Amino acid sequence: MSLNFNQYAREGNAFLKDYAKKLNMPDDTDKAGRILSSILHGLREVITIEESLQLISQFPMFLKAVYVNRWTTRKKKKIKNMVEFIDLIRELDGVTSIHDFGSDEIAENYINSTFMMLRKYVSLGELEDIRTVLPRDLKSIVYQNLMFQ
């Protein structure tokens, strides 16, 4: 197997451009990248390590890189609802979170859009597996936005 990092970069940049458009910020891929990273890292914090490994096995290389960036084996956060998940992704985003996520409604729309974009790469079976380990208030994202596409 040869590694073609230029191809990974092209695919990643194309995805990020599409993702930024989906978030209605076509000219701000930096912000879109921070949002994507924070949401993926938030998901990583609430699902099991086993589910994370199964999930990223279906990701293209550029998404794997985003998902595993700064991954540690610390204790998982207990997230019970969407508000707590949004608080978590804001925390993970850091100092730019006020600019990046704005209101809870905007943040929830970004989360929904992210899950819809991930559907391109992740099987329905894996999404159902993830759904089973998510808190009730987060399960609806997977069910409503992904199962019926």
N, C-alpha and C. Protein backbone atom coordinates (compact mmCIF):
# COMPACT_ATOMS: atom_id res chain seq x y z
N MET A 1 0.84 -1.17 0.00
CA MET A 1 0.00 0.00 0.00
C MET A 1 0.89 1.24 0.00
N SER A 2 0.64 2.11 -0.95
CA SER A 2 1.41 3.35 -0.97
C SER A 2 0.58 4.46 -0.32
N LEU A 3 1.27 5.35 0.34
CA LEU A 3 0.61 6.48 0.98
C LEU A 3 0.66 7.68 0.04
N ASN A 4 -0.50 8.21 -0.26
CA ASN A 4 -0.57 9.36 -1.14
C ASN A 4 -1.17 10.52 -0.36
N PHE A 5 -0.31 11.23 0.37
CA PHE A 5 -0.77 12.30 1.23
C PHE A 5 -1.40 13.45 0.45
N ASN A 6 -0.95 13.68 -0.77
CA ASN A 6 -1.56 14.73 -1.59
C ASN A 6 -3.02 14.40 -1.89
N GLN A 7 -3.29 13.13 -2.15
CA GLN A 7 -4.67 12.71 -2.41
C GLN A 7 -5.53 12.89 -1.17
N TYR A 8 -5.00 12.52 0.01
CA TYR A 8 -5.74 12.72 1.26
C TYR A 8 -6.06 14.20 1.46
N ALA A 9 -5.08 15.05 1.17
CA ALA A 9 -5.27 16.50 1.33
C ALA A 9 -6.34 17.01 0.37
N ARG A 10 -6.31 16.55 -0.90
CA ARG A 10 -7.33 16.97 -1.87
C ARG A 10 -8.72 16.55 -1.42
N GLU A 11 -8.85 15.29 -0.99
CA GLU A 11 -10.15 14.80 -0.53
C GLU A 11 -10.62 15.57 0.70
N GLY A 12 -9.72 15.82 1.63
CA GLY A 12 -10.06 16.56 2.84
C GLY A 12 -10.49 17.98 2.53
N ASN A 13 -9.76 18.64 1.64
CA ASN A 13 -10.12 20.01 1.28
C ASN A 13 -11.46 20.07 0.55
N ALA A 14 -11.73 19.10 -0.32
CA ALA A 14 -13.02 19.05 -1.02
C ALA A 14 -14.16 18.83 -0.02
N PHE A 15 -13.95 17.90 0.92
CA PHE A 15 -14.96 17.66 1.95
C PHE A 15 -15.19 18.93 2.76
N LEU A 16 -14.13 19.59 3.17
CA LEU A 16 -14.26 20.78 4.00
C LEU A 16 -15.00 21.90 3.27
N LYS A 17 -14.76 22.04 1.98
CA LYS A 17 -15.49 23.04 1.19
C LYS A 17 -16.98 22.71 1.15
N ASP A 18 -17.31 21.44 0.90
CA ASP A 18 -18.72 21.02 0.90
C ASP A 18 -19.35 21.20 2.27
N TYR A 19 -18.61 20.85 3.30
CA TYR A 19 -19.09 20.98 4.67
C TYR A 19 -19.35 22.45 5.02
N ALA A 20 -18.45 23.33 4.64
CA ALA A 20 -18.62 24.76 4.91
C ALA A 20 -19.87 25.28 4.20
N LYS A 21 -20.11 24.82 2.97
CA LYS A 21 -21.33 25.21 2.25
C LYS A 21 -22.56 24.71 2.99
N LYS A 22 -22.52 23.48 3.47
CA LYS A 22 -23.65 22.90 4.20
C LYS A 22 -23.95 23.70 5.46
N LEU A 23 -22.92 24.28 6.07
CA LEU A 23 -23.09 25.09 7.28
C LEU A 23 -23.40 26.56 6.95
N ASN A 24 -23.56 26.87 5.67
CA ASN A 24 -23.84 28.23 5.20
C ASN A 24 -22.70 29.21 5.51
N MET A 25 -21.48 28.72 5.36
CA MET A 25 -20.30 29.58 5.52
C MET A 25 -19.27 29.19 4.46
N PRO A 26 -19.64 29.32 3.17
CA PRO A 26 -18.77 28.80 2.10
C PRO A 26 -17.40 29.44 2.02
N ASP A 27 -17.23 30.62 2.60
CA ASP A 27 -15.95 31.31 2.53
C ASP A 27 -15.13 31.19 3.80
N ASP A 28 -15.55 30.33 4.73
CA ASP A 28 -14.84 30.24 6.01
C ASP A 28 -14.57 28.77 6.37
N THR A 29 -13.68 28.15 5.61
CA THR A 29 -13.36 26.74 5.87
C THR A 29 -12.59 26.57 7.18
N ASP A 30 -11.92 27.61 7.64
CA ASP A 30 -11.23 27.52 8.94
C ASP A 30 -12.25 27.31 10.06
N LYS A 31 -13.28 28.13 10.06
CA LYS A 31 -14.35 28.00 11.06
C LYS A 31 -15.04 26.65 10.91
N ALA A 32 -15.34 26.25 9.70
CA ALA A 32 -15.99 24.96 9.46
C ALA A 32 -15.12 23.81 9.99
N GLY A 33 -13.82 23.92 9.79
CA GLY A 33 -12.90 22.90 10.29
C GLY A 33 -12.90 22.81 11.81
N ARG A 34 -12.94 23.97 12.47
CA ARG A 34 -13.00 23.96 13.94
C ARG A 34 -14.31 23.34 14.43
N ILE A 35 -15.39 23.64 13.74
CA ILE A 35 -16.70 23.09 14.12
C ILE A 35 -16.69 21.58 13.93
N LEU A 36 -16.22 21.12 12.78
CA LEU A 36 -16.15 19.68 12.50
C LEU A 36 -15.32 18.97 13.56
N SER A 37 -14.15 19.51 13.85
CA SER A 37 -13.27 18.90 14.83
C SER A 37 -13.93 18.83 16.20
N SER A 38 -14.55 19.91 16.63
CA SER A 38 -15.18 19.94 17.95
C SER A 38 -16.33 18.94 18.04
N ILE A 39 -17.12 18.85 17.00
CA ILE A 39 -18.26 17.91 17.02
C ILE A 39 -17.77 16.47 17.01
N LEU A 40 -16.78 16.16 16.17
CA LEU A 40 -16.24 14.80 16.16
C LEU A 40 -15.59 14.45 17.49
N HIS A 41 -14.87 15.38 18.07
CA HIS A 41 -14.24 15.13 19.37
C HIS A 41 -15.29 15.01 20.47
N GLY A 42 -16.38 15.76 20.36
CA GLY A 42 -17.48 15.61 21.31
C GLY A 42 -18.12 14.24 21.21
N LEU A 43 -18.34 13.77 19.99
CA LEU A 43 -18.88 12.43 19.79
C LEU A 43 -17.94 11.39 20.39
N ARG A 44 -16.66 11.57 20.15
CA ARG A 44 -15.64 10.66 20.68
C ARG A 44 -15.69 10.60 22.20
N GLU A 45 -16.05 11.71 22.84
CA GLU A 45 -16.13 11.77 24.30
C GLU A 45 -17.32 11.00 24.86
N VAL A 46 -18.37 10.82 24.07
CA VAL A 46 -19.58 10.21 24.63
C VAL A 46 -19.81 8.77 24.19
N ILE A 47 -19.11 8.32 23.15
CA ILE A 47 -19.28 6.91 22.76
C ILE A 47 -18.08 6.10 23.27
N THR A 48 -18.25 4.81 23.27
CA THR A 48 -17.19 3.93 23.78
C THR A 48 -15.99 3.91 22.83
N ILE A 49 -14.86 3.50 23.35
CA ILE A 49 -13.67 3.36 22.52
C ILE A 49 -13.92 2.35 21.41
N GLU A 50 -14.60 1.27 21.74
CA GLU A 50 -14.89 0.24 20.73
C GLU A 50 -15.74 0.82 19.60
N GLU A 51 -16.78 1.60 19.95
CA GLU A 51 -17.61 2.22 18.91
C GLU A 51 -16.82 3.24 18.11
N SER A 52 -15.93 3.97 18.77
CA SER A 52 -15.08 4.92 18.05
C SER A 52 -14.23 4.20 17.01
N LEU A 53 -13.63 3.10 17.39
CA LEU A 53 -12.79 2.35 16.46
C LEU A 53 -13.60 1.79 15.30
N GLN A 54 -14.79 1.31 15.58
CA GLN A 54 -15.66 0.81 14.51
C GLN A 54 -16.09 1.95 13.59
N LEU A 55 -16.37 3.11 14.17
CA LEU A 55 -16.77 4.26 13.37
C LEU A 55 -15.65 4.71 12.45
N ILE A 56 -14.46 4.92 13.01
CA ILE A 56 -13.38 5.46 12.17
C ILE A 56 -12.87 4.45 11.15
N SER A 57 -13.18 3.18 11.36
CA SER A 57 -12.77 2.19 10.34
C SER A 57 -13.49 2.46 9.02
N GLN A 58 -14.60 3.18 9.07
CA GLN A 58 -15.35 3.49 7.85
C GLN A 58 -15.02 4.88 7.30
N PHE A 59 -14.30 5.68 8.06
CA PHE A 59 -13.95 7.04 7.63
C PHE A 59 -12.84 7.01 6.59
N PRO A 60 -12.85 7.97 5.68
CA PRO A 60 -11.66 8.17 4.83
C PRO A 60 -10.53 8.72 5.70
N MET A 61 -9.32 8.65 5.21
CA MET A 61 -8.14 9.01 6.00
C MET A 61 -8.23 10.41 6.59
N PHE A 62 -8.72 11.40 5.82
CA PHE A 62 -8.75 12.77 6.34
C PHE A 62 -9.68 12.90 7.54
N LEU A 63 -10.80 12.17 7.58
CA LEU A 63 -11.69 12.22 8.74
C LEU A 63 -11.10 11.44 9.92
N LYS A 64 -10.41 10.36 9.63
CA LYS A 64 -9.72 9.63 10.70
C LYS A 64 -8.75 10.55 11.41
N ALA A 65 -8.00 11.32 10.64
CA ALA A 65 -7.00 12.23 11.21
C ALA A 65 -7.66 13.26 12.12
N VAL A 66 -8.78 13.81 11.69
CA VAL A 66 -9.49 14.80 12.52
C VAL A 66 -9.99 14.13 13.79
N TYR A 67 -10.57 12.96 13.66
CA TYR A 67 -11.18 12.26 14.80
C TYR A 67 -10.15 11.91 15.87
N VAL A 68 -8.99 11.42 15.45
CA VAL A 68 -8.02 10.94 16.44
C VAL A 68 -7.08 12.02 16.95
N ASN A 69 -7.11 13.20 16.36
CA ASN A 69 -6.23 14.28 16.80
C ASN A 69 -6.45 14.56 18.29
N ARG A 70 -5.36 14.46 19.08
CA ARG A 70 -5.34 14.70 20.53
C ARG A 70 -6.23 13.72 21.32
N TRP A 71 -6.43 12.55 20.81
CA TRP A 71 -7.24 11.55 21.51
C TRP A 71 -6.46 10.99 22.68
N THR A 72 -7.07 10.97 23.84
CA THR A 72 -6.45 10.37 25.01
C THR A 72 -7.43 9.36 25.60
N THR A 73 -6.94 8.55 26.48
CA THR A 73 -7.79 7.54 27.10
C THR A 73 -8.22 7.99 28.50
N ARG A 74 -8.81 9.17 28.56
CA ARG A 74 -9.30 9.66 29.83
C ARG A 74 -10.75 9.21 30.05
N LYS A 75 -11.24 9.44 31.23
CA LYS A 75 -12.59 9.04 31.58
C LYS A 75 -13.61 9.77 30.70
N LYS A 76 -14.59 9.04 30.22
CA LYS A 76 -15.63 9.60 29.35
C LYS A 76 -16.51 10.56 30.13
N LYS A 77 -16.99 11.56 29.44
CA LYS A 77 -17.91 12.52 30.05
C LYS A 77 -19.32 11.92 30.05
N LYS A 78 -20.07 12.22 31.08
CA LYS A 78 -21.47 11.81 31.17
C LYS A 78 -22.33 12.92 30.58
N ILE A 79 -22.73 12.74 29.36
CA ILE A 79 -23.56 13.71 28.66
C ILE A 79 -24.96 13.13 28.58
N LYS A 80 -25.94 13.88 29.10
CA LYS A 80 -27.30 13.35 29.17
C LYS A 80 -28.24 13.94 28.14
N ASN A 81 -27.92 15.12 27.61
CA ASN A 81 -28.85 15.75 26.69
C ASN A 81 -28.11 16.66 25.71
N MET A 82 -28.87 17.24 24.80
CA MET A 82 -28.28 18.06 23.74
C MET A 82 -27.58 19.29 24.32
N VAL A 83 -28.16 19.93 25.31
CA VAL A 83 -27.53 21.12 25.90
C VAL A 83 -26.15 20.78 26.45
N GLU A 84 -26.03 19.65 27.13
CA GLU A 84 -24.73 19.24 27.67
C GLU A 84 -23.76 18.90 26.54
N PHE A 85 -24.25 18.31 25.46
CA PHE A 85 -23.39 18.00 24.32
C PHE A 85 -22.90 19.29 23.67
N ILE A 86 -23.78 20.26 23.52
CA ILE A 86 -23.38 21.54 22.95
C ILE A 86 -22.35 22.22 23.86
N ASP A 87 -22.56 22.16 25.16
CA ASP A 87 -21.57 22.72 26.10
C ASP A 87 -20.22 22.02 25.94
N LEU A 88 -20.24 20.71 25.75
CA LEU A 88 -19.01 19.94 25.57
C LEU A 88 -18.28 20.37 24.29
N ILE A 89 -19.01 20.49 23.18
CA ILE A 89 -18.32 20.86 21.94
C ILE A 89 -17.81 22.29 22.00
N ARG A 90 -18.51 23.15 22.72
CA ARG A 90 -17.99 24.51 22.92
C ARG A 90 -16.69 24.47 23.73
N GLU A 91 -16.68 23.65 24.76
CA GLU A 91 -15.47 23.50 25.57
C GLU A 91 -14.32 22.99 24.72
N LEU A 92 -14.60 22.02 23.87
CA LEU A 92 -13.56 21.45 23.01
C LEU A 92 -13.09 22.44 21.95
N ASP A 93 -13.96 23.34 21.53
CA ASP A 93 -13.61 24.35 20.53
C ASP A 93 -12.70 25.42 21.12
N GLY A 94 -12.83 25.66 22.41
CA GLY A 94 -11.94 26.61 23.08
C GLY A 94 -12.38 28.05 22.93
N VAL A 95 -11.39 28.94 22.81
CA VAL A 95 -11.66 30.37 22.86
C VAL A 95 -12.50 30.88 21.68
N THR A 96 -12.54 30.17 20.60
CA THR A 96 -13.32 30.62 19.44
C THR A 96 -14.76 30.13 19.47
N SER A 97 -15.15 29.42 20.52
CA SER A 97 -16.48 28.79 20.54
C SER A 97 -17.63 29.78 20.46
N ILE A 98 -17.48 30.95 21.07
CA ILE A 98 -18.57 31.94 21.00
C ILE A 98 -18.77 32.38 19.56
N HIS A 99 -17.67 32.59 18.86
CA HIS A 99 -17.75 32.97 17.44
C HIS A 99 -18.20 31.79 16.57
N ASP A 100 -17.73 30.61 16.87
CA ASP A 100 -18.01 29.46 16.01
C ASP A 100 -19.43 28.93 16.16
N PHE A 101 -19.91 28.84 17.38
CA PHE A 101 -21.19 28.15 17.59
C PHE A 101 -22.38 29.06 17.87
N GLY A 102 -22.17 30.26 18.35
CA GLY A 102 -23.29 31.16 18.58
C GLY A 102 -24.33 30.56 19.52
N SER A 103 -25.59 30.62 19.11
CA SER A 103 -26.69 30.14 19.95
C SER A 103 -26.75 28.62 19.96
N ASP A 104 -27.49 28.08 20.91
CA ASP A 104 -27.70 26.63 20.98
C ASP A 104 -28.39 26.13 19.72
N GLU A 105 -29.30 26.92 19.18
CA GLU A 105 -30.02 26.52 17.95
C GLU A 105 -29.06 26.39 16.77
N ILE A 106 -28.17 27.35 16.64
CA ILE A 106 -27.16 27.29 15.57
C ILE A 106 -26.26 26.07 15.79
N ALA A 107 -25.82 25.87 17.01
CA ALA A 107 -24.95 24.72 17.32
C ALA A 107 -25.66 23.41 16.98
N GLU A 108 -26.93 23.31 17.33
CA GLU A 108 -27.66 22.08 17.03
C GLU A 108 -27.80 21.87 15.53
N ASN A 109 -27.99 22.94 14.77
CA ASN A 109 -28.04 22.82 13.31
C ASN A 109 -26.71 22.34 12.76
N TYR A 110 -25.60 22.83 13.32
CA TYR A 110 -24.28 22.38 12.88
C TYR A 110 -24.09 20.89 13.19
N ILE A 111 -24.56 20.47 14.35
CA ILE A 111 -24.45 19.06 14.72
C ILE A 111 -25.25 18.20 13.74
N ASN A 112 -26.48 18.61 13.45
CA ASN A 112 -27.31 17.87 12.50
C ASN A 112 -26.64 17.79 11.13
N SER A 113 -26.11 18.91 10.66
CA SER A 113 -25.44 18.94 9.36
C SER A 113 -24.22 18.02 9.34
N THR A 114 -23.50 18.00 10.44
CA THR A 114 -22.31 17.15 10.53
C THR A 114 -22.69 15.68 10.41
N PHE A 115 -23.71 15.28 11.15
CA PHE A 115 -24.14 13.88 11.06
C PHE A 115 -24.62 13.53 9.67
N MET A 116 -25.29 14.47 9.00
CA MET A 116 -25.73 14.21 7.62
C MET A 116 -24.54 14.03 6.69
N MET A 117 -23.50 14.83 6.87
CA MET A 117 -22.30 14.70 6.03
C MET A 117 -21.58 13.38 6.30
N LEU A 118 -21.58 12.94 7.54
CA LEU A 118 -20.91 11.67 7.87
C LEU A 118 -21.62 10.48 7.24
N ARG A 119 -22.89 10.63 6.95
CA ARG A 119 -23.67 9.53 6.36
C ARG A 119 -23.07 9.06 5.03
N LYS A 120 -22.33 9.92 4.36
CA LYS A 120 -21.67 9.55 3.10
C LYS A 120 -20.67 8.42 3.30
N TYR A 121 -20.16 8.29 4.52
CA TYR A 121 -19.07 7.36 4.78
C TYR A 121 -19.41 6.22 5.72
N VAL A 122 -20.45 6.39 6.52
CA VAL A 122 -20.74 5.44 7.59
C VAL A 122 -22.00 4.65 7.27
N SER A 123 -21.92 3.34 7.44
CA SER A 123 -23.06 2.47 7.14
C SER A 123 -24.21 2.70 8.12
N LEU A 124 -25.41 2.36 7.69
CA LEU A 124 -26.57 2.47 8.56
C LEU A 124 -26.42 1.58 9.79
N GLY A 125 -25.83 0.42 9.63
CA GLY A 125 -25.62 -0.48 10.76
C GLY A 125 -24.73 0.13 11.82
N GLU A 126 -23.65 0.78 11.40
CA GLU A 126 -22.76 1.43 12.36
C GLU A 126 -23.44 2.61 13.02
N LEU A 127 -24.21 3.36 12.25
CA LEU A 127 -24.93 4.48 12.84
C LEU A 127 -25.94 4.00 13.88
N GLU A 128 -26.57 2.88 13.61
CA GLU A 128 -27.50 2.31 14.58
C GLU A 128 -26.75 1.87 15.84
N ASP A 129 -25.55 1.30 15.67
CA ASP A 129 -24.73 0.92 16.82
C ASP A 129 -24.37 2.14 17.67
N ILE A 130 -24.01 3.23 17.01
CA ILE A 130 -23.67 4.46 17.72
C ILE A 130 -24.91 5.00 18.42
N ARG A 131 -26.02 4.94 17.73
CA ARG A 131 -27.27 5.44 18.30
C ARG A 131 -27.61 4.74 19.61
N THR A 132 -27.31 3.45 19.69
CA THR A 132 -27.66 2.70 20.90
C THR A 132 -26.84 3.14 22.11
N VAL A 133 -25.66 3.72 21.91
CA VAL A 133 -24.84 4.13 23.06
C VAL A 133 -24.95 5.63 23.36
N LEU A 134 -25.72 6.35 22.56
CA LEU A 134 -25.90 7.78 22.80
C LEU A 134 -27.01 8.03 23.82
N PRO A 135 -26.90 9.13 24.55
CA PRO A 135 -28.00 9.53 25.43
C PRO A 135 -29.27 9.78 24.61
N ARG A 136 -30.41 9.63 25.23
CA ARG A 136 -31.69 9.71 24.54
C ARG A 136 -31.84 10.97 23.69
N ASP A 137 -31.46 12.12 24.24
CA ASP A 137 -31.63 13.38 23.53
C ASP A 137 -30.73 13.49 22.31
N LEU A 138 -29.70 12.70 22.23
CA LEU A 138 -28.81 12.71 21.07
C LEU A 138 -29.17 11.62 20.06
N LYS A 139 -29.90 10.60 20.49
CA LYS A 139 -30.28 9.51 19.59
C LYS A 139 -31.08 10.02 18.40
N SER A 140 -31.92 11.03 18.64
CA SER A 140 -32.79 11.52 17.59
C SER A 140 -32.00 12.09 16.41
N ILE A 141 -30.82 12.62 16.65
CA ILE A 141 -30.01 13.15 15.56
C ILE A 141 -29.71 12.05 14.56
N VAL A 142 -29.25 10.92 15.07
CA VAL A 142 -28.92 9.82 14.19
C VAL A 142 -30.17 9.28 13.52
N TYR A 143 -31.22 9.09 14.27
CA TYR A 143 -32.43 8.49 13.73
C TYR A 143 -33.08 9.39 12.68
N GLN A 144 -33.32 10.65 13.00
CA GLN A 144 -34.05 11.53 12.11
C GLN A 144 -33.24 11.91 10.87
N ASN A 145 -31.97 12.17 11.06
CA ASN A 145 -31.20 12.72 9.97
C ASN A 145 -30.45 11.70 9.13
N LEU A 146 -30.27 10.51 9.64
CA LEU A 146 -29.42 9.58 8.93
C LEU A 146 -30.13 8.33 8.45
N MET A 147 -31.05 7.86 9.21
CA MET A 147 -31.66 6.58 8.86
C MET A 147 -32.52 6.67 7.60
N PHE A 148 -33.02 7.85 7.30
CA PHE A 148 -33.95 7.97 6.19
C PHE A 148 -33.39 8.73 5.00
N GLN A 149 -32.10 8.76 4.86
CA GLN A 149 -31.51 9.45 3.71
C GLN A 149 -31.34 8.51 2.55
